[in-house]
Amino acid sequence: MAFDRERGRLYASDQSHALRTFDSLGVAVKSYSLTKEGDRPRQVLAHPQGGRLLILSDGAFLWVEVP
């Protein structure tokens, strides 16, 4: 789970999606499947300037720029 103060977003992952975005009220905005099936996200780190994330999964590091 990571917080993006610049954009007012919360980023998290679950069993089905490598990345889920929520607004400041906790309402789901969008979900993304970024990894192959069975490759679970372990950690999500937000960039201090906002809009960018580093995701560590079982099999990869992912650099993501969130629209």
C-alpha atoms as a PDB file:
ATOM      1  CA  MET A   1       0.000   0.000   0.000  1.00  0.00           C
ATOM      2  CA  ALA A   2       1.284   3.481  -0.850  1.00  0.00           C
ATOM      3  CA  PHE A   3      -0.025   7.030  -0.511  1.00  0.00           C
ATOM      4  CA  ASP A   4       0.362   9.691  -3.207  1.00  0.00           C
ATOM      5  CA  ARG A   5      -0.063  13.025  -1.419  1.00  0.00           C
ATOM      6  CA  GLU A   6       0.425  15.037  -4.612  1.00  0.00           C
ATOM      7  CA  ARG A   7      -2.553  13.400  -6.335  1.00  0.00           C
ATOM      8  CA  GLY A   8      -4.611  12.456  -3.294  1.00  0.00           C
ATOM      9  CA  ARG A   9      -4.525   8.763  -4.208  1.00  0.00           C
ATOM     10  CA  LEU A  10      -4.039   5.497  -2.374  1.00  0.00           C
ATOM     11  CA  TYR A  11      -2.433   2.605  -4.259  1.00  0.00           C
ATOM     12  CA  ALA A  12      -2.849  -1.011  -3.191  1.00  0.00           C
ATOM     13  CA  SER A  13      -2.817  -4.512  -4.636  1.00  0.00           C
ATOM     14  CA  ASP A  14      -4.929  -7.600  -4.152  1.00  0.00           C
ATOM     15  CA  GLN A  15      -5.077 -11.189  -5.375  1.00  0.00           C
ATOM     16  CA  SER A  16      -6.652 -10.203  -8.713  1.00  0.00           C
ATOM     17  CA  HIS A  17      -4.860  -6.945  -9.572  1.00  0.00           C
ATOM     18  CA  ALA A  18      -1.264  -5.793  -9.300  1.00  0.00           C
ATOM     19  CA  LEU A  19      -2.464  -2.240  -8.787  1.00  0.00           C
ATOM     20  CA  ARG A  20      -5.688  -0.656  -7.556  1.00  0.00           C
ATOM     21  CA  THR A  21      -6.159   3.093  -7.183  1.00  0.00           C
ATOM     22  CA  PHE A  22      -8.471   4.795  -4.701  1.00  0.00           C
ATOM     23  CA  ASP A  23      -9.381   8.451  -4.224  1.00  0.00           C
ATOM     24  CA  SER A  24      -8.995  10.352  -0.941  1.00  0.00           C
ATOM     25  CA  LEU A  25     -12.394   9.070   0.241  1.00  0.00           C
ATOM     26  CA  GLY A  26     -11.450   5.426  -0.374  1.00  0.00           C
ATOM     27  CA  VAL A  27     -13.570   5.007  -3.502  1.00  0.00           C
ATOM     28  CA  ALA A  28     -11.997   2.654  -6.067  1.00  0.00           C
ATOM     29  CA  VAL A  29     -10.955   4.581  -9.185  1.00  0.00           C
ATOM     30  CA  LYS A  30      -9.282   1.978 -11.393  1.00  0.00           C
ATOM     31  CA  SER A  31      -7.666  -1.473 -11.330  1.00  0.00           C
ATOM     32  CA  TYR A  32      -4.694  -2.669 -13.381  1.00  0.00           C
ATOM     33  CA  SER A  33      -3.346  -6.160 -14.072  1.00  0.00           C
ATOM     34  CA  LEU A  34       0.374  -5.549 -14.577  1.00  0.00           C
ATOM     35  CA  THR A  35       1.944  -8.915 -13.830  1.00  0.00           C
ATOM     36  CA  LYS A  36       1.492 -12.439 -15.123  1.00  0.00           C
ATOM     37  CA  GLU A  37      -0.953 -14.750 -13.382  1.00  0.00           C
ATOM     38  CA  GLY A  38       0.381 -16.068 -10.082  1.00  0.00           C
ATOM     39  CA  ASP A  39       2.979 -13.271  -9.770  1.00  0.00           C
ATOM     40  CA  ARG A  40       1.821 -11.510  -6.605  1.00  0.00           C
ATOM     41  CA  PRO A  41       2.754  -7.924  -5.760  1.00  0.00           C
ATOM     42  CA  ARG A  42       4.715  -7.685  -2.499  1.00  0.00           C
ATOM     43  CA  GLN A  43       5.351  -3.966  -2.098  1.00  0.00           C
ATOM     44  CA  VAL A  44       4.188  -0.685  -3.658  1.00  0.00           C
ATOM     45  CA  LEU A  45       6.304   2.469  -3.280  1.00  0.00           C
ATOM     46  CA  ALA A  46       5.071   5.904  -4.372  1.00  0.00           C
ATOM     47  CA  HIS A  47       7.395   8.525  -5.853  1.00  0.00           C
ATOM     48  CA  PRO A  48       7.554  11.698  -3.686  1.00  0.00           C
ATOM     49  CA  GLN A  49       6.534  13.899  -6.646  1.00  0.00           C
ATOM     50  CA  GLY A  50       3.453  11.768  -7.304  1.00  0.00           C
ATOM     51  CA  GLY A  51       2.113   9.844 -10.265  1.00  0.00           C
ATOM     52  CA  ARG A  52       4.850   7.196 -10.324  1.00  0.00           C
ATOM     53  CA  LEU A  53       5.201   3.900  -8.504  1.00  0.00           C
ATOM     54  CA  LEU A  54       7.714   1.131  -8.010  1.00  0.00           C
ATOM     55  CA  ILE A  55       6.048  -2.252  -7.543  1.00  0.00           C
ATOM     56  CA  LEU A  56       7.956  -5.285  -6.293  1.00  0.00           C
ATOM     57  CA  SER A  57       6.290  -8.576  -7.183  1.00  0.00           C
ATOM     58  CA  ASP A  58       7.353 -12.206  -6.856  1.00  0.00           C
ATOM     59  CA  GLY A  59       9.031 -12.128 -10.268  1.00  0.00           C
ATOM     60  CA  ALA A  60       9.728  -8.511 -11.248  1.00  0.00           C
ATOM     61  CA  PHE A  61      10.241  -4.865 -10.411  1.00  0.00           C
ATOM     62  CA  LEU A  62       7.749  -2.635 -12.214  1.00  0.00           C
ATOM     63  CA  TRP A  63       8.061   1.121 -12.780  1.00  0.00           C
ATOM     64  CA  VAL A  64       4.577   2.501 -13.362  1.00  0.00           C
ATOM     65  CA  GLU A  65       3.510   5.996 -14.401  1.00  0.00           C
ATOM     66  CA  VAL A  66      -0.106   6.434 -13.358  1.00  0.00           C
ATOM     67  CA  PRO A  67      -2.293   8.600 -15.640  1.00  0.00           C
END
